[in-house]
N, C-alpha and C. Protein backbone atom coordinates (compact mmCIF):
# COMPACT_ATOMS: atom_id res chain seq x y z
N MET A 1 -6.10 -15.12 8.05
CA MET A 1 -6.86 -13.97 7.49
C MET A 1 -7.90 -14.47 6.51
N ARG A 2 -8.98 -13.71 6.39
CA ARG A 2 -9.97 -13.93 5.37
C ARG A 2 -9.67 -13.03 4.16
N VAL A 3 -9.47 -13.61 3.02
CA VAL A 3 -8.97 -12.91 1.84
C VAL A 3 -9.89 -12.98 0.64
N VAL A 4 -10.03 -11.86 -0.07
CA VAL A 4 -10.69 -11.87 -1.37
C VAL A 4 -9.60 -11.65 -2.46
N ILE A 5 -9.64 -12.44 -3.50
CA ILE A 5 -8.70 -12.28 -4.61
C ILE A 5 -9.43 -11.86 -5.86
N ALA A 6 -8.93 -10.87 -6.56
CA ALA A 6 -9.56 -10.41 -7.82
C ALA A 6 -8.46 -10.28 -8.89
N ASP A 7 -8.49 -11.22 -9.86
CA ASP A 7 -7.52 -11.24 -10.99
C ASP A 7 -8.20 -12.00 -12.12
N ASP A 8 -8.14 -11.44 -13.33
CA ASP A 8 -8.76 -12.14 -14.43
C ASP A 8 -7.92 -13.22 -15.01
N ALA A 9 -6.61 -13.26 -14.62
CA ALA A 9 -5.68 -14.31 -15.11
C ALA A 9 -5.93 -15.56 -14.18
N VAL A 10 -6.55 -16.57 -14.78
CA VAL A 10 -6.95 -17.76 -14.00
C VAL A 10 -5.79 -18.43 -13.30
N LEU A 11 -4.66 -18.55 -14.00
CA LEU A 11 -3.52 -19.25 -13.42
C LEU A 11 -2.97 -18.50 -12.22
N LEU A 12 -2.88 -17.16 -12.30
CA LEU A 12 -2.42 -16.41 -11.16
C LEU A 12 -3.39 -16.41 -10.03
N ARG A 13 -4.67 -16.32 -10.37
CA ARG A 13 -5.71 -16.26 -9.35
C ARG A 13 -5.73 -17.59 -8.55
N GLU A 14 -5.68 -18.72 -9.31
CA GLU A 14 -5.69 -20.00 -8.64
C GLU A 14 -4.37 -20.23 -7.85
N GLY A 15 -3.25 -19.71 -8.41
CA GLY A 15 -1.98 -19.83 -7.71
C GLY A 15 -2.01 -19.12 -6.37
N LEU A 16 -2.66 -17.91 -6.36
CA LEU A 16 -2.79 -17.17 -5.12
C LEU A 16 -3.69 -17.86 -4.11
N VAL A 17 -4.77 -18.45 -4.66
CA VAL A 17 -5.70 -19.21 -3.81
C VAL A 17 -4.91 -20.34 -3.10
N ARG A 18 -4.13 -21.06 -3.84
CA ARG A 18 -3.39 -22.21 -3.29
C ARG A 18 -2.34 -21.68 -2.31
N LEU A 19 -1.61 -20.64 -2.69
CA LEU A 19 -0.56 -20.15 -1.82
C LEU A 19 -1.15 -19.68 -0.46
N LEU A 20 -2.19 -18.91 -0.52
CA LEU A 20 -2.80 -18.38 0.73
C LEU A 20 -3.42 -19.50 1.55
N THR A 21 -4.08 -20.44 0.93
CA THR A 21 -4.71 -21.53 1.61
C THR A 21 -3.62 -22.39 2.34
N GLU A 22 -2.53 -22.67 1.64
CA GLU A 22 -1.47 -23.48 2.21
C GLU A 22 -0.75 -22.75 3.32
N SER A 23 -0.88 -21.39 3.33
CA SER A 23 -0.26 -20.56 4.38
C SER A 23 -1.17 -20.38 5.57
N GLY A 24 -2.34 -21.06 5.52
CA GLY A 24 -3.24 -21.02 6.66
C GLY A 24 -4.33 -19.94 6.62
N HIS A 25 -4.50 -19.29 5.47
CA HIS A 25 -5.49 -18.24 5.33
C HIS A 25 -6.72 -18.78 4.63
N GLU A 26 -7.85 -18.09 4.77
CA GLU A 26 -9.09 -18.50 4.14
C GLU A 26 -9.45 -17.60 2.99
N VAL A 27 -9.51 -18.10 1.76
CA VAL A 27 -9.91 -17.33 0.62
C VAL A 27 -11.41 -17.39 0.51
N VAL A 28 -12.10 -16.29 0.83
CA VAL A 28 -13.57 -16.33 0.89
C VAL A 28 -14.18 -16.06 -0.48
N ALA A 29 -13.41 -15.53 -1.42
CA ALA A 29 -13.90 -15.32 -2.77
C ALA A 29 -12.71 -15.08 -3.71
N ALA A 30 -12.80 -15.64 -4.93
CA ALA A 30 -11.80 -15.47 -5.97
C ALA A 30 -12.54 -15.09 -7.23
N VAL A 31 -12.38 -13.84 -7.70
CA VAL A 31 -13.20 -13.32 -8.80
C VAL A 31 -12.32 -12.77 -9.88
N GLY A 32 -12.98 -12.47 -11.06
CA GLY A 32 -12.20 -12.08 -12.24
C GLY A 32 -12.53 -10.72 -12.78
N ASP A 33 -13.33 -9.95 -12.09
CA ASP A 33 -13.61 -8.58 -12.63
C ASP A 33 -13.96 -7.63 -11.45
N GLY A 34 -13.98 -6.33 -11.80
CA GLY A 34 -14.14 -5.34 -10.77
C GLY A 34 -15.47 -5.36 -10.04
N ASP A 35 -16.53 -5.53 -10.78
CA ASP A 35 -17.86 -5.56 -10.15
C ASP A 35 -17.96 -6.71 -9.16
N ALA A 36 -17.39 -7.86 -9.53
CA ALA A 36 -17.44 -9.00 -8.61
C ALA A 36 -16.57 -8.74 -7.36
N LEU A 37 -15.50 -8.01 -7.53
CA LEU A 37 -14.65 -7.64 -6.38
C LEU A 37 -15.46 -6.81 -5.41
N VAL A 38 -16.13 -5.74 -5.90
CA VAL A 38 -16.88 -4.88 -5.01
C VAL A 38 -17.98 -5.71 -4.28
N GLU A 39 -18.65 -6.55 -4.99
CA GLU A 39 -19.73 -7.39 -4.41
C GLU A 39 -19.10 -8.30 -3.32
N ALA A 40 -17.96 -8.89 -3.64
CA ALA A 40 -17.31 -9.80 -2.65
C ALA A 40 -16.92 -9.10 -1.38
N VAL A 41 -16.38 -7.87 -1.56
CA VAL A 41 -15.90 -7.10 -0.37
C VAL A 41 -17.14 -6.72 0.49
N VAL A 42 -18.16 -6.26 -0.17
CA VAL A 42 -19.39 -5.88 0.63
C VAL A 42 -20.01 -7.06 1.28
N THR A 43 -20.03 -8.20 0.63
CA THR A 43 -20.65 -9.44 1.17
C THR A 43 -19.82 -10.07 2.28
N HIS A 44 -18.50 -10.19 2.05
CA HIS A 44 -17.66 -10.95 2.96
C HIS A 44 -16.88 -10.13 3.99
N ARG A 45 -16.71 -8.83 3.78
CA ARG A 45 -15.94 -7.97 4.67
C ARG A 45 -14.61 -8.67 4.99
N PRO A 46 -13.78 -8.93 3.96
CA PRO A 46 -12.49 -9.65 4.25
C PRO A 46 -11.53 -8.84 5.05
N ASP A 47 -10.50 -9.56 5.63
CA ASP A 47 -9.41 -8.86 6.35
C ASP A 47 -8.57 -8.11 5.32
N VAL A 48 -8.48 -8.63 4.12
CA VAL A 48 -7.66 -7.97 3.07
C VAL A 48 -8.10 -8.50 1.71
N SER A 49 -7.94 -7.65 0.69
CA SER A 49 -8.22 -8.07 -0.71
C SER A 49 -6.98 -7.93 -1.52
N VAL A 50 -6.72 -8.88 -2.41
CA VAL A 50 -5.59 -8.80 -3.37
C VAL A 50 -6.16 -8.56 -4.72
N VAL A 51 -5.80 -7.44 -5.35
CA VAL A 51 -6.49 -6.95 -6.55
C VAL A 51 -5.49 -6.62 -7.71
N ASP A 52 -5.84 -7.17 -8.92
CA ASP A 52 -5.05 -6.81 -10.07
C ASP A 52 -5.57 -5.46 -10.59
N VAL A 53 -4.61 -4.58 -10.99
CA VAL A 53 -5.03 -3.26 -11.53
C VAL A 53 -5.85 -3.39 -12.77
N ARG A 54 -5.39 -4.21 -13.69
CA ARG A 54 -6.02 -4.28 -15.01
C ARG A 54 -6.93 -5.53 -15.09
N MET A 55 -8.25 -5.26 -15.28
CA MET A 55 -9.19 -6.35 -15.44
C MET A 55 -10.24 -5.99 -16.53
N PRO A 56 -11.06 -6.93 -16.93
CA PRO A 56 -12.06 -6.70 -17.98
C PRO A 56 -13.02 -5.55 -17.59
N PRO A 57 -13.62 -4.84 -18.59
CA PRO A 57 -13.52 -5.18 -19.99
C PRO A 57 -12.40 -4.49 -20.77
N SER A 58 -11.88 -3.39 -20.27
CA SER A 58 -10.90 -2.62 -21.04
C SER A 58 -9.46 -2.99 -20.70
N HIS A 59 -9.24 -3.64 -19.57
CA HIS A 59 -7.92 -4.08 -19.07
C HIS A 59 -7.04 -2.80 -18.89
N THR A 60 -7.59 -1.76 -18.36
CA THR A 60 -6.81 -0.54 -18.02
C THR A 60 -6.73 -0.41 -16.51
N ASP A 61 -7.74 0.22 -15.91
CA ASP A 61 -7.67 0.42 -14.46
C ASP A 61 -8.93 -0.02 -13.74
N GLU A 62 -9.65 -0.99 -14.30
CA GLU A 62 -10.89 -1.46 -13.67
C GLU A 62 -10.68 -1.96 -12.24
N GLY A 63 -9.59 -2.73 -12.10
CA GLY A 63 -9.31 -3.23 -10.73
C GLY A 63 -9.05 -2.17 -9.73
N LEU A 64 -8.32 -1.12 -10.14
CA LEU A 64 -8.01 -0.03 -9.18
C LEU A 64 -9.31 0.73 -8.90
N ARG A 65 -10.11 1.00 -9.87
CA ARG A 65 -11.36 1.72 -9.64
C ARG A 65 -12.31 0.93 -8.73
N ALA A 66 -12.32 -0.39 -8.95
CA ALA A 66 -13.15 -1.26 -8.11
C ALA A 66 -12.63 -1.23 -6.67
N ALA A 67 -11.29 -1.25 -6.50
CA ALA A 67 -10.71 -1.18 -5.20
C ALA A 67 -11.11 0.11 -4.44
N VAL A 68 -11.05 1.19 -5.19
CA VAL A 68 -11.44 2.47 -4.63
C VAL A 68 -12.93 2.51 -4.20
N GLU A 69 -13.76 1.91 -5.09
CA GLU A 69 -15.18 1.85 -4.83
C GLU A 69 -15.44 0.95 -3.60
N ALA A 70 -14.71 -0.15 -3.52
CA ALA A 70 -14.89 -1.09 -2.37
C ALA A 70 -14.55 -0.35 -1.08
N ARG A 71 -13.52 0.49 -1.10
CA ARG A 71 -13.10 1.18 0.15
C ARG A 71 -14.14 2.31 0.44
N ARG A 72 -14.82 2.81 -0.58
CA ARG A 72 -15.84 3.80 -0.31
C ARG A 72 -17.07 3.13 0.36
N LEU A 73 -17.44 1.95 -0.10
CA LEU A 73 -18.61 1.23 0.46
C LEU A 73 -18.25 0.59 1.81
N VAL A 74 -17.04 0.12 1.95
CA VAL A 74 -16.61 -0.55 3.19
C VAL A 74 -15.37 0.20 3.67
N PRO A 75 -15.59 1.34 4.34
CA PRO A 75 -14.43 2.16 4.78
C PRO A 75 -13.35 1.35 5.51
N ARG A 76 -12.11 1.68 5.17
CA ARG A 76 -10.96 1.12 5.84
C ARG A 76 -10.71 -0.34 5.44
N THR A 77 -11.42 -0.88 4.47
CA THR A 77 -11.16 -2.26 4.06
C THR A 77 -9.80 -2.33 3.40
N PRO A 78 -8.89 -3.15 3.92
CA PRO A 78 -7.51 -3.23 3.39
C PRO A 78 -7.42 -3.81 2.00
N VAL A 79 -6.60 -3.19 1.14
CA VAL A 79 -6.48 -3.64 -0.24
C VAL A 79 -5.01 -3.68 -0.61
N LEU A 80 -4.56 -4.78 -1.19
CA LEU A 80 -3.17 -4.87 -1.75
C LEU A 80 -3.37 -5.01 -3.24
N VAL A 81 -2.85 -3.99 -3.97
CA VAL A 81 -3.01 -3.99 -5.43
C VAL A 81 -1.71 -4.58 -6.07
N LEU A 82 -1.93 -5.45 -7.05
CA LEU A 82 -0.83 -6.00 -7.84
C LEU A 82 -0.85 -5.42 -9.27
N SER A 83 0.31 -5.11 -9.77
CA SER A 83 0.39 -4.54 -11.11
C SER A 83 1.56 -5.17 -11.86
N GLN A 84 1.39 -5.34 -13.18
CA GLN A 84 2.47 -5.90 -14.00
C GLN A 84 3.60 -4.87 -14.16
N TYR A 85 3.19 -3.59 -14.22
CA TYR A 85 4.18 -2.53 -14.43
C TYR A 85 3.99 -1.43 -13.35
N VAL A 86 4.95 -0.59 -13.22
CA VAL A 86 4.79 0.55 -12.29
C VAL A 86 3.91 1.60 -13.02
N GLU A 87 2.78 1.89 -12.41
CA GLU A 87 1.86 2.91 -12.96
C GLU A 87 1.62 3.90 -11.84
N VAL A 88 2.42 4.96 -11.90
CA VAL A 88 2.49 5.94 -10.77
C VAL A 88 1.15 6.58 -10.46
N SER A 89 0.43 6.93 -11.50
CA SER A 89 -0.85 7.60 -11.28
C SER A 89 -1.85 6.68 -10.50
N TYR A 90 -1.80 5.40 -10.81
CA TYR A 90 -2.65 4.45 -10.10
C TYR A 90 -2.31 4.38 -8.63
N ALA A 91 -0.98 4.32 -8.37
CA ALA A 91 -0.56 4.25 -6.98
C ALA A 91 -1.01 5.49 -6.23
N ASP A 92 -0.93 6.67 -6.90
CA ASP A 92 -1.27 7.92 -6.23
C ASP A 92 -2.81 7.91 -5.95
N ASP A 93 -3.60 7.47 -6.91
CA ASP A 93 -5.06 7.43 -6.71
C ASP A 93 -5.45 6.49 -5.55
N LEU A 94 -4.82 5.37 -5.50
CA LEU A 94 -5.08 4.46 -4.39
C LEU A 94 -4.70 5.04 -3.05
N LEU A 95 -3.52 5.62 -3.01
CA LEU A 95 -3.07 6.21 -1.73
C LEU A 95 -3.93 7.36 -1.25
N ALA A 96 -4.57 8.02 -2.23
CA ALA A 96 -5.46 9.16 -1.81
C ALA A 96 -6.61 8.65 -0.99
N THR A 97 -6.95 7.34 -1.04
CA THR A 97 -8.05 6.83 -0.26
C THR A 97 -7.72 6.63 1.20
N THR A 98 -6.40 6.83 1.53
CA THR A 98 -6.02 6.69 2.98
C THR A 98 -6.43 7.86 3.73
N GLY A 99 -6.85 8.97 3.15
CA GLY A 99 -7.22 10.13 3.88
C GLY A 99 -8.63 9.98 4.43
N GLY A 100 -8.99 10.81 5.39
CA GLY A 100 -10.34 10.86 5.96
C GLY A 100 -10.75 9.50 6.54
N ALA A 101 -11.98 9.05 6.19
CA ALA A 101 -12.51 7.80 6.71
C ALA A 101 -11.86 6.59 6.10
N GLY A 102 -11.10 6.80 4.97
CA GLY A 102 -10.49 5.64 4.30
C GLY A 102 -9.52 4.91 5.15
N GLY A 103 -8.70 5.62 5.83
CA GLY A 103 -7.72 5.03 6.70
C GLY A 103 -6.57 4.34 5.92
N GLY A 104 -5.79 3.58 6.66
CA GLY A 104 -4.70 2.90 6.00
C GLY A 104 -5.08 1.58 5.40
N GLY A 105 -4.20 0.63 5.45
CA GLY A 105 -4.46 -0.68 4.85
C GLY A 105 -4.42 -0.64 3.34
N ILE A 106 -3.29 -0.10 2.79
CA ILE A 106 -3.15 0.00 1.36
C ILE A 106 -1.75 -0.54 0.98
N GLY A 107 -1.72 -1.26 -0.13
CA GLY A 107 -0.47 -1.75 -0.66
C GLY A 107 -0.49 -1.70 -2.19
N TYR A 108 0.72 -1.49 -2.76
CA TYR A 108 0.85 -1.46 -4.21
C TYR A 108 2.18 -2.17 -4.56
N LEU A 109 2.08 -3.39 -5.12
CA LEU A 109 3.26 -4.16 -5.44
C LEU A 109 3.25 -4.65 -6.89
N LEU A 110 4.47 -4.82 -7.41
CA LEU A 110 4.57 -5.44 -8.73
C LEU A 110 4.32 -6.91 -8.58
N LYS A 111 3.75 -7.53 -9.62
CA LYS A 111 3.40 -8.93 -9.55
C LYS A 111 4.60 -9.82 -9.35
N ASP A 112 5.75 -9.33 -9.83
CA ASP A 112 6.98 -10.17 -9.67
C ASP A 112 7.26 -10.44 -8.17
N ARG A 113 6.76 -9.56 -7.28
CA ARG A 113 7.04 -9.73 -5.83
C ARG A 113 6.33 -10.99 -5.27
N VAL A 114 5.29 -11.47 -5.98
CA VAL A 114 4.58 -12.67 -5.48
C VAL A 114 5.50 -13.82 -5.42
N ALA A 115 6.51 -13.86 -6.32
CA ALA A 115 7.44 -14.98 -6.38
C ALA A 115 8.32 -15.08 -5.09
N ALA A 116 8.49 -13.92 -4.46
CA ALA A 116 9.17 -13.92 -3.15
C ALA A 116 8.13 -14.16 -2.11
N ILE A 117 7.78 -15.41 -1.88
CA ILE A 117 6.60 -15.71 -1.11
C ILE A 117 6.59 -15.10 0.28
N ASP A 118 7.71 -15.23 1.01
CA ASP A 118 7.71 -14.71 2.39
C ASP A 118 7.50 -13.20 2.43
N GLU A 119 8.15 -12.49 1.45
CA GLU A 119 8.01 -11.02 1.40
C GLU A 119 6.55 -10.66 1.03
N PHE A 120 5.95 -11.40 0.08
CA PHE A 120 4.59 -11.14 -0.29
C PHE A 120 3.65 -11.36 0.85
N LEU A 121 3.79 -12.44 1.58
CA LEU A 121 2.93 -12.75 2.71
C LEU A 121 3.10 -11.70 3.84
N ASP A 122 4.33 -11.23 4.04
CA ASP A 122 4.60 -10.24 5.02
C ASP A 122 3.90 -8.92 4.64
N ALA A 123 4.02 -8.55 3.35
CA ALA A 123 3.34 -7.32 2.87
C ALA A 123 1.85 -7.43 3.05
N LEU A 124 1.28 -8.60 2.75
CA LEU A 124 -0.17 -8.80 2.88
C LEU A 124 -0.59 -8.69 4.34
N ALA A 125 0.17 -9.23 5.25
CA ALA A 125 -0.15 -9.10 6.69
C ALA A 125 -0.07 -7.66 7.14
N ARG A 126 0.93 -6.91 6.66
CA ARG A 126 1.06 -5.48 7.05
C ARG A 126 -0.11 -4.65 6.57
N VAL A 127 -0.53 -4.95 5.32
CA VAL A 127 -1.72 -4.17 4.79
C VAL A 127 -2.94 -4.59 5.56
N ALA A 128 -3.15 -5.84 5.86
CA ALA A 128 -4.33 -6.28 6.65
C ALA A 128 -4.33 -5.63 8.00
N ALA A 129 -3.15 -5.37 8.56
CA ALA A 129 -3.07 -4.72 9.88
C ALA A 129 -3.19 -3.18 9.83
N GLY A 130 -3.46 -2.66 8.63
CA GLY A 130 -3.67 -1.20 8.47
C GLY A 130 -2.48 -0.44 8.01
N GLY A 131 -1.44 -1.14 7.62
CA GLY A 131 -0.23 -0.41 7.15
C GLY A 131 -0.30 -0.07 5.70
N THR A 132 0.71 0.72 5.25
CA THR A 132 0.88 1.11 3.88
C THR A 132 2.18 0.47 3.32
N VAL A 133 2.04 -0.30 2.27
CA VAL A 133 3.20 -0.99 1.71
C VAL A 133 3.29 -0.61 0.23
N LEU A 134 4.50 -0.14 -0.15
CA LEU A 134 4.70 0.25 -1.55
C LEU A 134 5.93 -0.45 -2.10
N ASP A 135 5.85 -0.86 -3.34
CA ASP A 135 6.98 -1.55 -4.04
C ASP A 135 8.10 -0.51 -4.17
N PRO A 136 9.33 -0.92 -3.85
CA PRO A 136 10.45 0.02 -3.98
C PRO A 136 10.55 0.68 -5.38
N GLU A 137 10.16 -0.06 -6.40
CA GLU A 137 10.22 0.53 -7.77
C GLU A 137 9.20 1.65 -7.96
N VAL A 138 8.08 1.48 -7.29
CA VAL A 138 7.07 2.57 -7.34
C VAL A 138 7.58 3.78 -6.60
N VAL A 139 8.18 3.58 -5.45
CA VAL A 139 8.77 4.71 -4.69
C VAL A 139 9.82 5.39 -5.55
N GLY A 140 10.64 4.62 -6.22
CA GLY A 140 11.69 5.22 -7.03
C GLY A 140 11.17 6.06 -8.18
N GLN A 141 10.12 5.58 -8.87
CA GLN A 141 9.55 6.35 -9.96
C GLN A 141 8.83 7.62 -9.47
N LEU A 142 8.20 7.48 -8.31
CA LEU A 142 7.59 8.68 -7.73
C LEU A 142 8.59 9.77 -7.39
N LEU A 143 9.78 9.35 -6.94
CA LEU A 143 10.84 10.26 -6.65
C LEU A 143 11.31 10.98 -7.88
N VAL A 144 11.35 10.26 -9.02
CA VAL A 144 11.79 10.90 -10.27
C VAL A 144 10.87 12.02 -10.68
N ARG A 145 9.58 11.92 -10.24
CA ARG A 145 8.61 12.94 -10.62
C ARG A 145 8.62 14.16 -9.73
N ARG A 146 9.54 14.21 -8.83
CA ARG A 146 9.65 15.27 -7.85
C ARG A 146 9.63 16.63 -8.55
N ARG A 147 8.79 17.55 -8.15
CA ARG A 147 8.71 18.86 -8.77
C ARG A 147 9.70 19.85 -8.14
N ARG A 148 9.90 20.94 -8.86
CA ARG A 148 10.87 21.94 -8.37
C ARG A 148 10.48 22.50 -6.99
N ASP A 149 9.17 22.73 -6.84
CA ASP A 149 8.72 23.26 -5.54
C ASP A 149 8.57 22.07 -4.53
N ASP A 150 9.66 21.46 -4.32
CA ASP A 150 9.74 20.23 -3.44
C ASP A 150 9.35 20.51 -2.02
N PRO A 151 8.21 19.95 -1.56
CA PRO A 151 7.85 20.19 -0.14
C PRO A 151 8.78 19.50 0.83
N LEU A 152 9.68 18.66 0.33
CA LEU A 152 10.60 17.98 1.17
C LEU A 152 11.97 18.64 1.25
N ARG A 153 12.05 19.84 0.70
CA ARG A 153 13.36 20.49 0.58
C ARG A 153 13.99 20.77 1.90
N GLU A 154 13.20 20.85 2.97
CA GLU A 154 13.75 21.16 4.30
C GLU A 154 14.34 19.91 4.97
N LEU A 155 14.07 18.77 4.43
CA LEU A 155 14.52 17.54 5.08
C LEU A 155 16.03 17.28 4.76
N THR A 156 16.71 16.70 5.72
CA THR A 156 18.11 16.32 5.53
C THR A 156 18.16 15.07 4.67
N PRO A 157 19.29 14.75 4.11
CA PRO A 157 19.40 13.50 3.31
C PRO A 157 19.01 12.26 4.14
N ARG A 158 19.36 12.25 5.45
CA ARG A 158 18.99 11.08 6.26
C ARG A 158 17.50 11.04 6.53
N GLU A 159 16.88 12.24 6.70
CA GLU A 159 15.45 12.26 6.92
C GLU A 159 14.70 11.80 5.66
N ARG A 160 15.25 12.12 4.50
CA ARG A 160 14.65 11.65 3.24
C ARG A 160 14.74 10.13 3.13
N GLU A 161 15.87 9.60 3.55
CA GLU A 161 16.03 8.15 3.56
C GLU A 161 14.99 7.49 4.44
N VAL A 162 14.79 8.04 5.66
CA VAL A 162 13.84 7.51 6.63
C VAL A 162 12.45 7.60 6.01
N LEU A 163 12.10 8.74 5.38
CA LEU A 163 10.76 8.89 4.80
C LEU A 163 10.54 7.92 3.65
N ALA A 164 11.59 7.72 2.81
CA ALA A 164 11.45 6.75 1.73
C ALA A 164 11.21 5.33 2.22
N LEU A 165 11.80 4.96 3.34
CA LEU A 165 11.56 3.63 3.93
C LEU A 165 10.22 3.58 4.57
N MET A 166 9.77 4.67 5.13
CA MET A 166 8.38 4.71 5.67
C MET A 166 7.46 4.50 4.58
N ALA A 167 7.68 5.04 3.38
CA ALA A 167 6.80 4.89 2.23
C ALA A 167 6.70 3.44 1.75
N GLU A 168 7.75 2.63 2.05
CA GLU A 168 7.67 1.21 1.75
C GLU A 168 6.96 0.45 2.81
N GLY A 169 6.45 1.12 3.83
CA GLY A 169 5.64 0.43 4.83
C GLY A 169 6.48 -0.10 6.01
N ARG A 170 7.72 0.27 6.13
CA ARG A 170 8.59 -0.28 7.18
C ARG A 170 8.34 0.41 8.52
N SER A 171 8.45 -0.35 9.57
CA SER A 171 8.30 0.14 10.95
C SER A 171 9.58 0.88 11.32
N ASN A 172 9.54 1.60 12.43
CA ASN A 172 10.75 2.32 12.89
C ASN A 172 11.85 1.31 13.20
N THR A 173 11.52 0.13 13.75
CA THR A 173 12.55 -0.82 14.07
C THR A 173 13.20 -1.37 12.77
N ALA A 174 12.40 -1.60 11.74
CA ALA A 174 12.90 -2.08 10.46
C ALA A 174 13.78 -1.04 9.81
N ILE A 175 13.37 0.23 9.91
CA ILE A 175 14.16 1.34 9.35
C ILE A 175 15.52 1.39 10.04
N ALA A 176 15.49 1.29 11.38
CA ALA A 176 16.71 1.37 12.16
C ALA A 176 17.67 0.23 11.75
N ARG A 177 17.11 -0.94 11.54
CA ARG A 177 17.91 -2.10 11.10
C ARG A 177 18.50 -1.84 9.72
N THR A 178 17.73 -1.30 8.83
CA THR A 178 18.19 -1.06 7.48
C THR A 178 19.30 0.00 7.42
N LEU A 179 19.15 1.03 8.20
CA LEU A 179 20.11 2.15 8.17
C LEU A 179 21.26 1.99 9.18
N VAL A 180 21.16 0.86 9.97
CA VAL A 180 22.16 0.55 11.01
C VAL A 180 22.29 1.74 12.01
N VAL A 181 21.18 2.11 12.53
CA VAL A 181 21.12 3.15 13.58
C VAL A 181 20.20 2.68 14.69
N SER A 182 20.10 3.42 15.78
CA SER A 182 19.28 3.01 16.90
C SER A 182 17.82 3.36 16.62
N ASP A 183 16.91 2.70 17.32
CA ASP A 183 15.48 3.03 17.23
C ASP A 183 15.24 4.46 17.61
N GLY A 184 15.97 4.90 18.70
CA GLY A 184 15.78 6.25 19.13
C GLY A 184 16.16 7.26 18.07
N ALA A 185 17.20 6.99 17.29
CA ALA A 185 17.61 7.88 16.20
C ALA A 185 16.51 8.01 15.15
N VAL A 186 15.92 6.86 14.84
CA VAL A 186 14.82 6.87 13.82
C VAL A 186 13.63 7.65 14.34
N GLU A 187 13.28 7.45 15.59
CA GLU A 187 12.16 8.19 16.21
C GLU A 187 12.39 9.66 16.11
N LYS A 188 13.64 10.08 16.37
CA LYS A 188 13.98 11.50 16.29
C LYS A 188 13.79 12.03 14.88
N HIS A 189 14.27 11.24 13.88
CA HIS A 189 14.15 11.63 12.50
C HIS A 189 12.64 11.76 12.13
N VAL A 190 11.86 10.81 12.55
CA VAL A 190 10.42 10.83 12.24
C VAL A 190 9.77 12.05 12.86
N ARG A 191 10.08 12.43 14.06
CA ARG A 191 9.54 13.64 14.70
C ARG A 191 9.97 14.85 13.91
N ASN A 192 11.20 14.92 13.45
CA ASN A 192 11.66 16.02 12.65
C ASN A 192 10.93 16.13 11.32
N ILE A 193 10.69 15.00 10.72
CA ILE A 193 9.94 14.95 9.46
C ILE A 193 8.51 15.54 9.66
N PHE A 194 7.85 15.09 10.73
CA PHE A 194 6.52 15.57 10.99
C PHE A 194 6.51 17.14 11.15
N THR A 195 7.52 17.56 11.89
CA THR A 195 7.65 19.01 12.16
C THR A 195 7.90 19.81 10.88
N LYS A 196 8.87 19.38 10.09
CA LYS A 196 9.27 20.05 8.88
C LYS A 196 8.18 20.06 7.79
N LEU A 197 7.33 19.01 7.80
CA LEU A 197 6.24 18.95 6.84
C LEU A 197 4.96 19.63 7.36
N ASN A 198 5.05 20.21 8.54
CA ASN A 198 3.92 20.93 9.15
C ASN A 198 2.69 20.07 9.25
N LEU A 199 2.88 18.85 9.68
CA LEU A 199 1.78 17.95 9.88
C LEU A 199 1.07 18.26 11.23
N PRO A 200 -0.26 18.16 11.20
CA PRO A 200 -1.03 18.58 12.40
C PRO A 200 -0.64 17.81 13.65
N PRO A 201 -0.21 18.49 14.70
CA PRO A 201 0.22 17.84 15.94
C PRO A 201 -0.95 17.16 16.66
N ASP A 202 -2.19 17.50 16.30
CA ASP A 202 -3.33 16.87 17.03
C ASP A 202 -3.76 15.55 16.37
N ALA A 203 -3.15 15.26 15.26
CA ALA A 203 -3.51 13.95 14.56
C ALA A 203 -2.77 12.81 15.28
N THR A 204 -3.30 11.58 15.09
CA THR A 204 -2.59 10.39 15.67
C THR A 204 -1.26 10.18 14.96
N HIS A 205 -0.40 9.48 15.69
CA HIS A 205 0.96 9.16 15.07
C HIS A 205 0.78 8.42 13.74
N HIS A 206 -0.11 7.43 13.67
CA HIS A 206 -0.35 6.70 12.43
C HIS A 206 -0.81 7.60 11.34
N HIS A 207 -1.77 8.52 11.62
CA HIS A 207 -2.33 9.39 10.60
C HIS A 207 -1.24 10.35 10.08
N ARG A 208 -0.39 10.85 11.00
CA ARG A 208 0.68 11.71 10.57
C ARG A 208 1.70 11.01 9.73
N ARG A 209 1.89 9.71 10.03
CA ARG A 209 2.81 8.92 9.20
C ARG A 209 2.24 8.76 7.82
N VAL A 210 0.94 8.49 7.69
CA VAL A 210 0.35 8.37 6.34
C VAL A 210 0.42 9.68 5.61
N LEU A 211 0.18 10.83 6.27
CA LEU A 211 0.25 12.13 5.63
C LEU A 211 1.69 12.39 5.17
N ALA A 212 2.66 11.99 5.95
CA ALA A 212 4.04 12.21 5.55
C ALA A 212 4.39 11.38 4.30
N VAL A 213 3.91 10.18 4.25
CA VAL A 213 4.15 9.31 3.08
C VAL A 213 3.47 9.91 1.85
N LEU A 214 2.24 10.39 1.97
CA LEU A 214 1.52 11.01 0.89
C LEU A 214 2.29 12.22 0.36
N THR A 215 2.81 13.04 1.24
CA THR A 215 3.57 14.21 0.84
C THR A 215 4.83 13.79 0.05
N HIS A 216 5.46 12.71 0.55
CA HIS A 216 6.64 12.20 -0.06
C HIS A 216 6.33 11.74 -1.51
N LEU A 217 5.19 11.04 -1.68
CA LEU A 217 4.85 10.48 -3.01
C LEU A 217 4.35 11.50 -4.02
N ARG A 218 3.76 12.57 -3.48
CA ARG A 218 3.26 13.58 -4.39
C ARG A 218 4.25 14.70 -4.68
N ALA A 219 5.40 14.62 -4.02
CA ALA A 219 6.41 15.68 -4.21
C ALA A 219 7.07 15.54 -5.59
């Protein structure tokens, strides 16, 4: 894969460059601020970008805002965001770009996950392929924010489990393996979820999956 890295922490940035290069990927740009990220994405059109949420000058959400801008200028460009802490509003803002022309290819992971190299590389590959990958801790905190008017209230406990695993970016086969059920059972649960959430039947399966995950996260 051709990768852009954006992180103002030199040690982490260079560590990611080395990790990805040794894993057979090409790092086409490694930058330290949001403006440079946007320029690199527009110039190189990478397969995926790895972006730190907090970058100069204020170290708040510059990286996230730059990622959103990059996806506006280069629709559907895959982005994997790394954050030191779970920041639910940032995850929600990023996921909102999966609607319309934005498409999928979105990930939000805690930086600690980079230490689990195989898992990190797998998440990066799934995002590059157009998938949505969320850190389990992000999913957990989003669930805590669930409002009383829960749009998921019609779902059974098992369907909620399936939807939570979908939100982590897992395929039906991976969900079946995790829950120790058949692929057919998972497919049935997914169809029920789509129906109960009143997702448009004329949309593609992938788009309905993204819409289901967004409903889950905003509930």
